[in-house]
Amino acid sequence: MRITECSDCCMRWFITIDGEECTSPGPIEGVIYTKNGSNINIHRASVIAGICSETSSGAIADGVHQLHVEVGLCDGFIDSYNAYTGFATTSHMTIEEIPTTFNAAARNFWPNVKQCQMNIPDNLQNQTGNPLMSCTLNKKKPETVIKASWYGNIALEQCEDCCMRWYLTINGEECQTPEPIDGAIMQDLRGSRLLDIFDIRRPAAISGICYGPSEGSQWGPGDLKVDLIVDVCPGTNSTFDVITGYNSKSTFIIEEIPPPADDCDEAII
């Protein structure tokens, strides 16, 4: 996804079902904003995901449905800009039919899924170290694990040499088995003429599987509260201005799933 050749511009990618956007729980979308894109031409990989039970026509019924990815203006913008989708790659759309409630009596595994959506308030945009958004899933089985995913918009603002990290916690603790669930933006504009104009707000996906909060542990049945938090990257001493959730819905999807296969081999460097 990309926009370019424009200043103070924003475009929105969204998913429609039979020509209509999701209304329950909310739209499935991602946005890109740039303060001055006249001389910036950056294509980036993005993920747009969400769960939908209703459109403006009502509940999604049995049968064949057509889903499309569309692009249009962000809220509050009146001009259309130079948007590009799918540069030099294959674009993929994955569609799943999932249950709305957990069926404990099912003989095979029947997924337990929770979605939460919100517009993150402006007064939380630069808050670090505290939850920006939360979502709670009631875990049903002792042998299962948690897949936690957050989809939204993130940005670093007006900094020369900076790094900030967005990460997920479960019941107040980062995952340690197998690893933390996180994503970061590192920005180095030292000596660049772009410092005063570089302001790109982009879609991001932070997703991973968690067994438990410590080595060898596993989350038991019960309520598990997943939080999105932003703070400095390891080895960084200063906090920087960030924006989370710009002009779009932020989405948590929390899933209780069977344990995956054995861990992959470590990367060979």
Protein backbone atom coordinates (compact mmCIF):
# COMPACT_ATOMS: atom_id res chain seq x y z
CA MET A 1 0.00 0.00 0.00
CA ARG A 2 1.20 3.52 -0.80
CA ILE A 3 0.21 7.13 -1.31
CA THR A 4 2.51 9.72 -2.85
CA GLU A 5 2.66 13.07 -4.68
CA CYS A 6 0.49 14.81 -2.09
CA SER A 7 0.71 16.84 1.13
CA ASP A 8 -1.41 16.34 4.25
CA CYS A 9 -3.18 13.42 2.61
CA CYS A 10 -4.87 10.24 3.78
CA MET A 11 -6.34 7.23 1.99
CA ARG A 12 -8.30 4.33 3.45
CA TRP A 13 -8.34 0.68 2.38
CA PHE A 14 -11.44 -1.24 3.50
CA ILE A 15 -13.22 -4.54 2.97
CA THR A 16 -16.79 -4.83 1.71
CA ILE A 17 -19.10 -7.84 1.77
CA ASP A 18 -21.61 -7.88 -1.08
CA GLY A 19 -20.85 -4.21 -1.64
CA GLU A 20 -21.37 -3.09 1.96
CA GLU A 21 -19.00 -2.40 4.84
CA CYS A 22 -19.22 -4.28 8.10
CA THR A 23 -21.35 -2.57 10.75
CA SER A 24 -21.12 -5.12 13.56
CA PRO A 25 -18.80 -4.91 15.29
CA GLY A 26 -17.32 -2.30 12.93
CA PRO A 27 -15.45 -1.61 9.68
CA ILE A 28 -12.46 -3.68 8.58
CA GLU A 29 -9.98 -1.05 7.45
CA GLY A 30 -6.48 0.40 7.34
CA VAL A 31 -5.28 3.92 6.54
CA ILE A 32 -2.10 5.65 5.40
CA TYR A 33 -1.49 9.33 6.17
CA THR A 34 1.48 11.43 5.11
CA LYS A 35 2.25 15.04 5.99
CA ASN A 36 4.31 15.65 2.86
CA GLY A 37 4.43 12.84 0.34
CA SER A 38 5.54 14.95 -2.61
CA ASN A 39 9.04 13.48 -2.53
CA ILE A 40 8.34 10.24 -0.66
CA ASN A 41 7.40 7.04 -2.51
CA ILE A 42 7.34 4.13 -0.06
CA HIS A 43 5.45 0.90 -0.73
CA ARG A 44 4.92 -1.18 2.38
CA ALA A 45 3.40 -4.59 3.14
CA SER A 46 0.21 -4.36 5.19
CA VAL A 47 -2.43 -6.60 6.77
CA ILE A 48 -6.09 -5.63 7.14
CA ALA A 49 -8.12 -8.09 9.22
CA GLY A 50 -11.29 -8.33 11.24
CA ILE A 51 -14.41 -10.32 12.10
CA CYS A 52 -17.81 -9.33 10.74
CA SER A 53 -21.28 -10.55 11.71
CA GLU A 54 -23.46 -7.87 10.09
CA THR A 55 -23.53 -5.28 7.33
CA SER A 56 -26.12 -2.54 6.86
CA SER A 57 -28.36 -5.19 5.23
CA GLY A 58 -28.37 -7.25 8.43
CA ALA A 59 -26.77 -10.47 9.63
CA ILE A 60 -24.59 -12.29 7.11
CA ALA A 61 -26.68 -15.25 5.98
CA ASP A 62 -25.72 -18.65 4.60
CA GLY A 63 -24.72 -18.68 0.96
CA VAL A 64 -22.20 -17.20 -1.43
CA HIS A 65 -20.80 -13.75 -0.65
CA GLN A 66 -18.47 -11.48 -2.58
CA LEU A 67 -15.70 -9.73 -0.63
CA HIS A 68 -13.66 -6.89 -2.08
CA VAL A 69 -10.79 -4.68 -0.98
CA GLU A 70 -11.57 -1.06 -1.88
CA VAL A 71 -9.73 2.22 -1.40
CA GLY A 72 -11.22 5.66 -0.73
CA LEU A 73 -10.87 8.83 1.30
CA CYS A 74 -10.20 8.91 5.03
CA ASP A 75 -12.76 10.63 7.25
CA GLY A 76 -12.25 14.40 7.20
CA PHE A 77 -10.46 14.52 3.82
CA ILE A 78 -12.04 15.81 0.63
CA ASP A 79 -9.45 15.14 -2.10
CA SER A 80 -8.52 11.78 -3.64
CA TYR A 81 -4.80 10.96 -3.75
CA ASN A 82 -2.41 8.72 -5.61
CA ALA A 83 -3.04 5.36 -3.94
CA TYR A 84 -1.31 2.15 -5.07
CA THR A 85 -2.13 -1.39 -4.02
CA GLY A 86 -0.12 -4.59 -4.61
CA PHE A 87 3.26 -3.37 -5.86
CA ALA A 88 5.56 -6.21 -7.10
CA THR A 89 3.84 -8.85 -4.95
CA THR A 90 0.91 -11.25 -4.89
CA SER A 91 -1.96 -9.93 -2.78
CA HIS A 92 -3.84 -12.50 -0.70
CA MET A 93 -7.35 -12.53 0.76
CA THR A 94 -8.15 -15.24 3.33
CA ILE A 95 -11.78 -15.67 4.37
CA GLU A 96 -12.90 -17.96 7.21
CA GLU A 97 -16.30 -18.97 8.54
CA ILE A 98 -16.05 -19.17 12.32
CA PRO A 99 -18.51 -19.78 15.17
CA THR A 100 -19.91 -16.91 17.20
CA THR A 101 -19.87 -18.91 20.44
CA PHE A 102 -17.60 -21.58 21.90
CA ASN A 103 -19.03 -25.12 21.76
CA ALA A 104 -17.48 -27.08 24.62
CA ALA A 105 -19.35 -30.24 23.60
CA ALA A 106 -17.91 -30.32 20.09
CA ARG A 107 -15.92 -33.50 19.52
CA ASN A 108 -13.41 -31.76 17.31
CA PHE A 109 -11.82 -28.45 18.20
CA TRP A 110 -14.27 -25.56 17.89
CA PRO A 111 -12.45 -22.23 18.09
CA ASN A 112 -13.02 -19.73 20.88
CA VAL A 113 -12.54 -16.25 19.39
CA LYS A 114 -13.02 -12.70 20.73
CA GLN A 115 -12.79 -9.48 18.73
CA CYS A 116 -12.62 -5.99 20.25
CA GLN A 117 -12.63 -2.72 18.30
CA MET A 118 -12.23 0.91 19.33
CA ASN A 119 -11.04 4.32 18.27
CA ILE A 120 -8.06 4.99 20.53
CA PRO A 121 -8.68 8.44 22.12
CA ASP A 122 -6.38 11.33 21.19
CA ASN A 123 -5.39 11.83 24.82
CA LEU A 124 -3.77 8.37 24.80
CA GLN A 125 -1.74 8.89 21.63
CA ASN A 126 1.53 9.73 23.41
CA GLN A 127 0.96 7.68 26.55
CA THR A 128 3.77 5.19 27.15
CA GLY A 129 3.98 2.25 29.49
CA ASN A 130 0.21 2.03 30.07
CA PRO A 131 -2.49 0.14 28.14
CA LEU A 132 -3.84 1.89 25.05
CA MET A 133 -6.46 -0.77 24.34
CA SER A 134 -7.62 -3.98 26.00
CA CYS A 135 -9.58 -7.11 25.11
CA THR A 136 -10.58 -10.02 27.38
CA LEU A 137 -11.12 -13.64 26.34
CA ASN A 138 -12.43 -16.38 28.62
CA LYS A 139 -10.13 -19.36 28.02
CA LYS A 140 -12.01 -22.67 28.24
CA LYS A 141 -9.47 -25.49 28.16
CA PRO A 142 -6.20 -26.10 30.04
CA GLU A 143 -4.27 -27.60 27.11
CA THR A 144 -4.85 -24.77 24.62
CA VAL A 145 -2.73 -21.70 23.86
CA ILE A 146 -3.55 -18.10 23.00
CA LYS A 147 -3.07 -16.37 19.65
CA ALA A 148 -3.25 -12.61 20.17
CA SER A 149 -3.34 -10.17 17.23
CA TRP A 150 -3.67 -6.39 17.09
CA TYR A 151 -4.33 -4.49 13.87
CA GLY A 152 -4.18 -0.71 13.69
CA ASN A 153 -2.25 2.39 12.68
CA ILE A 154 1.09 3.44 14.21
CA ALA A 155 3.55 6.29 13.70
CA LEU A 156 6.56 8.08 15.15
CA GLU A 157 6.45 11.87 15.17
CA GLN A 158 9.13 14.55 14.75
CA CYS A 159 12.20 12.63 15.86
CA GLU A 160 15.67 12.33 14.35
CA ASP A 161 17.03 9.10 15.78
CA CYS A 162 14.34 7.17 17.62
CA CYS A 163 12.78 3.79 18.26
CA MET A 164 9.49 2.87 19.90
CA ARG A 165 8.02 -0.56 20.51
CA TRP A 166 4.38 -1.67 20.56
CA TYR A 167 3.79 -4.93 22.44
CA LEU A 168 1.06 -7.14 23.91
CA THR A 169 0.68 -8.27 27.51
CA ILE A 170 -1.63 -10.93 28.91
CA ASN A 171 -2.89 -10.32 32.44
CA GLY A 172 -0.21 -7.66 32.81
CA GLU A 173 2.75 -9.80 31.73
CA GLU A 174 4.59 -10.12 28.43
CA CYS A 175 4.68 -13.54 26.87
CA GLN A 176 7.89 -15.49 27.49
CA THR A 177 6.88 -18.86 26.04
CA PRO A 178 7.79 -18.91 23.25
CA GLU A 179 8.67 -15.16 22.88
CA PRO A 180 7.25 -11.63 23.33
CA ILE A 181 4.58 -10.44 20.88
CA ASP A 182 5.74 -7.06 19.62
CA GLY A 183 6.56 -4.70 16.77
CA ALA A 184 8.76 -1.60 16.54
CA ILE A 185 9.48 1.44 14.40
CA MET A 186 13.08 2.64 14.20
CA GLN A 187 13.60 5.98 12.46
CA ASP A 188 16.97 7.57 11.63
CA LEU A 189 16.68 10.91 9.84
CA ARG A 190 19.93 12.42 11.09
CA GLY A 191 21.26 14.82 8.48
CA SER A 192 18.18 14.36 6.30
CA ARG A 193 16.20 17.23 4.85
CA LEU A 194 13.09 15.12 5.46
CA LEU A 195 13.07 15.65 9.25
CA ASP A 196 10.60 18.53 9.24
CA ILE A 197 8.23 16.93 6.74
CA PHE A 198 8.50 13.19 7.43
CA ASP A 199 5.21 12.07 9.00
CA ILE A 200 3.86 8.73 7.80
CA ARG A 201 1.10 6.91 9.67
CA ARG A 202 0.80 3.34 8.47
CA PRO A 203 -1.17 0.14 9.15
CA ALA A 204 0.56 -2.44 11.34
CA ALA A 205 -0.10 -5.99 12.51
CA ILE A 206 1.26 -7.29 15.83
CA SER A 207 0.51 -10.97 16.23
CA GLY A 208 1.84 -14.09 17.91
CA ILE A 209 1.12 -17.23 19.92
CA CYS A 210 1.61 -17.37 23.68
CA TYR A 211 1.72 -20.42 25.93
CA GLY A 212 2.35 -18.58 29.19
CA PRO A 213 4.07 -15.71 31.02
CA SER A 214 7.23 -17.62 31.99
CA GLU A 215 9.47 -20.36 30.64
CA GLY A 216 7.59 -23.65 30.58
CA SER A 217 4.33 -22.16 31.88
CA GLN A 218 0.88 -22.28 30.30
CA TRP A 219 -2.20 -20.12 30.78
CA GLY A 220 -5.01 -21.99 32.52
CA PRO A 221 -8.77 -21.59 31.96
CA GLY A 222 -10.33 -18.26 32.93
CA ASP A 223 -10.35 -14.63 31.87
CA LEU A 224 -7.23 -13.42 30.04
CA LYS A 225 -6.93 -9.66 29.52
CA VAL A 226 -4.75 -8.67 26.56
CA ASP A 227 -3.37 -5.11 26.49
CA LEU A 228 -1.60 -3.09 23.80
CA ILE A 229 1.25 -0.99 25.25
CA VAL A 230 3.86 1.28 23.65
CA ASP A 231 7.22 2.14 25.18
CA VAL A 232 10.84 2.73 24.23
CA CYS A 233 12.83 0.04 22.44
CA PRO A 234 15.45 -1.84 24.49
CA GLY A 235 18.64 0.22 24.64
CA THR A 236 16.77 3.48 23.99
CA ASN A 237 16.82 6.02 26.80
CA SER A 238 14.27 8.60 25.65
CA THR A 239 10.58 8.41 24.82
CA PHE A 240 9.29 9.94 21.60
CA ASP A 241 5.94 11.12 20.32
CA VAL A 242 3.87 8.30 18.88
CA ILE A 243 0.45 8.01 17.30
CA THR A 244 -1.59 4.83 17.64
CA GLY A 245 -4.88 4.26 15.84
CA TYR A 246 -4.98 7.30 13.56
CA ASN A 247 -8.34 7.93 11.85
CA SER A 248 -9.40 4.27 11.88
CA LYS A 249 -10.66 1.47 14.08
CA SER A 250 -8.07 -0.52 16.01
CA THR A 251 -8.85 -4.23 16.25
CA PHE A 252 -7.91 -7.00 18.67
CA ILE A 253 -8.57 -10.62 17.66
CA ILE A 254 -7.87 -13.08 20.50
CA GLU A 255 -8.12 -16.82 19.78
CA GLU A 256 -7.90 -19.96 21.89
CA ILE A 257 -6.27 -22.58 19.66
CA PRO A 258 -4.71 -26.04 19.93
CA PRO A 259 -0.96 -26.07 20.65
CA PRO A 260 1.01 -25.64 17.42
CA ALA A 261 3.62 -28.06 16.12
CA ASP A 262 7.13 -28.08 17.56
CA ASP A 263 9.00 -24.79 17.43
CA CYS A 264 10.75 -23.93 14.19
CA ASP A 265 14.50 -24.21 14.02
CA GLU A 266 16.32 -21.02 14.97
CA ALA A 267 17.35 -18.77 12.11
CA ILE A 268 20.81 -19.36 10.72
CA ILE A 269 22.76 -16.11 10.38
